[in-house]
Amino acid sequence: MNRRPLSVTLVSLLLAAAGAVGLVYHFTDLNLRHPFQNDAVWIEVIRLLAVVGGVYMLSGKNWARWLAMFWIGIHVVVSGFHSLPEFAIHGLLFAVFAYILFRRPATEYFHTAGSPG
């Protein structure tokens, strides 16, 4: 089995940690009587996707790498409606994620570690 690159491990842990912290932080925004009254449910779903993506990237699941790119892509789009510096930071993070997760060592890891058998 191919060893997981350190950069993939770091991105996976960062993604899972950011999702977990966000889940806890935004949990108080949920109103269980009217869960869809504000965007809190959708924020929690996005945070949960980060945790799932981070955890499954550690086990080499290729779909999790695409989920991570989807997750950071959502942040780029949403931050486009906010300030220019926020958009730039998320755009830079998107580029860093893409560079790390689609380099040859990462691609080899995801294609061998995540394959059955």
Protein backbone atom coordinates (compact mmCIF):
# COMPACT_ATOMS: atom_id res chain seq x y z
CA MET A 1 0.00 0.00 0.00
CA ASN A 2 1.21 3.48 -0.86
CA ARG A 3 2.09 5.74 2.08
CA ARG A 4 -0.08 8.77 2.66
CA PRO A 5 1.80 12.00 1.89
CA LEU A 6 2.27 14.27 4.89
CA SER A 7 0.61 17.14 3.01
CA VAL A 8 -2.55 15.05 2.52
CA THR A 9 -2.54 14.15 6.22
CA LEU A 10 -2.26 17.82 7.19
CA VAL A 11 -5.05 18.94 4.84
CA SER A 12 -7.26 16.07 6.03
CA LEU A 13 -6.73 16.93 9.69
CA LEU A 14 -7.22 20.65 9.03
CA LEU A 15 -10.45 19.97 7.16
CA ALA A 16 -11.84 17.63 9.82
CA ALA A 17 -10.85 20.01 12.63
CA ALA A 18 -12.36 23.05 10.88
CA GLY A 19 -15.58 21.11 10.35
CA ALA A 20 -15.73 19.88 13.94
CA VAL A 21 -15.04 23.32 15.42
CA GLY A 22 -17.64 24.84 13.10
CA LEU A 23 -20.21 22.21 14.08
CA VAL A 24 -19.77 23.01 17.75
CA TYR A 25 -19.63 26.77 17.22
CA HIS A 26 -22.77 26.96 15.06
CA PHE A 27 -24.76 24.39 17.03
CA THR A 28 -26.18 27.11 19.29
CA ASP A 29 -27.66 28.80 16.19
CA LEU A 30 -29.97 25.84 15.60
CA ASN A 31 -33.58 26.20 16.64
CA LEU A 32 -34.94 22.66 16.76
CA ARG A 33 -38.55 23.83 16.68
CA HIS A 34 -37.94 25.74 13.44
CA PRO A 35 -34.71 24.28 12.03
CA PHE A 36 -35.03 25.87 8.57
CA GLN A 37 -35.95 29.34 9.82
CA ASN A 38 -32.39 30.51 9.24
CA ASP A 39 -29.36 29.05 7.49
CA ALA A 40 -28.08 27.20 10.55
CA VAL A 41 -29.05 23.75 9.24
CA TRP A 42 -27.22 24.32 5.96
CA ILE A 43 -24.17 25.64 7.78
CA GLU A 44 -24.14 22.51 9.94
CA VAL A 45 -24.45 20.29 6.84
CA ILE A 46 -21.48 22.05 5.21
CA ARG A 47 -19.46 21.64 8.41
CA LEU A 48 -20.37 17.96 8.57
CA LEU A 49 -19.17 17.55 4.97
CA ALA A 50 -15.79 18.91 6.05
CA VAL A 51 -15.52 16.35 8.85
CA VAL A 52 -16.55 13.50 6.55
CA GLY A 53 -14.16 14.61 3.81
CA GLY A 54 -11.24 14.98 6.19
CA VAL A 55 -11.76 11.64 7.88
CA TYR A 56 -12.23 9.67 4.67
CA MET A 57 -9.26 11.33 2.97
CA LEU A 58 -7.14 9.85 5.74
CA SER A 59 -8.24 6.40 4.58
CA GLY A 60 -7.49 7.22 0.94
CA LYS A 61 -11.01 7.55 -0.45
CA ASN A 62 -10.80 9.37 -3.78
CA TRP A 63 -14.36 10.71 -3.50
CA ALA A 64 -13.36 12.42 -0.24
CA ARG A 65 -10.69 14.44 -2.04
CA TRP A 66 -13.37 15.68 -4.44
CA LEU A 67 -15.65 16.41 -1.48
CA ALA A 68 -12.86 18.52 0.04
CA MET A 69 -12.56 20.50 -3.19
CA PHE A 70 -16.34 20.95 -3.29
CA TRP A 71 -16.29 22.16 0.32
CA ILE A 72 -13.61 24.78 -0.24
CA GLY A 73 -15.24 25.72 -3.57
CA ILE A 74 -18.48 26.51 -1.76
CA HIS A 75 -16.50 28.83 0.50
CA VAL A 76 -14.97 30.60 -2.49
CA VAL A 77 -18.40 31.19 -4.02
CA VAL A 78 -20.00 32.36 -0.77
CA SER A 79 -17.07 34.63 0.09
CA GLY A 80 -17.49 36.26 -3.32
CA PHE A 81 -20.57 37.92 -1.83
CA HIS A 82 -18.55 39.23 1.11
CA SER A 83 -15.33 41.22 1.18
CA LEU A 84 -12.54 41.05 -1.39
CA PRO A 85 -9.93 39.92 1.19
CA GLU A 86 -12.19 37.05 2.30
CA PHE A 87 -12.69 36.01 -1.32
CA ALA A 88 -8.93 36.18 -1.95
CA ILE A 89 -8.11 34.05 1.11
CA HIS A 90 -10.64 31.37 0.15
CA GLY A 91 -9.42 31.45 -3.44
CA LEU A 92 -5.85 30.96 -2.23
CA LEU A 93 -6.96 28.08 0.02
CA PHE A 94 -8.73 26.51 -2.96
CA ALA A 95 -5.50 26.68 -4.97
CA VAL A 96 -3.49 25.19 -2.08
CA PHE A 97 -5.99 22.35 -1.63
CA ALA A 98 -5.93 21.63 -5.38
CA TYR A 99 -2.14 21.67 -5.48
CA ILE A 100 -1.78 19.34 -2.50
CA LEU A 101 -4.60 16.94 -3.33
CA PHE A 102 -3.86 16.55 -7.05
CA ARG A 103 -0.08 16.27 -7.10
CA ARG A 104 1.34 12.97 -8.25
CA PRO A 105 2.05 11.52 -4.75
CA ALA A 106 -1.47 12.37 -3.58
CA THR A 107 -3.05 11.00 -6.74
CA GLU A 108 -1.10 7.75 -6.39
CA TYR A 109 -2.13 7.51 -2.73
CA PHE A 110 -5.82 8.02 -3.48
CA HIS A 111 -5.80 5.54 -6.35
CA THR A 112 -4.03 2.77 -4.41
CA ALA A 113 -5.21 3.29 -0.82
CA GLY A 114 -8.87 3.70 -1.68
CA SER A 115 -9.07 0.79 -4.07
CA PRO A 116 -10.82 -2.37 -2.83
CA GLY A 117 -8.73 -5.44 -2.11
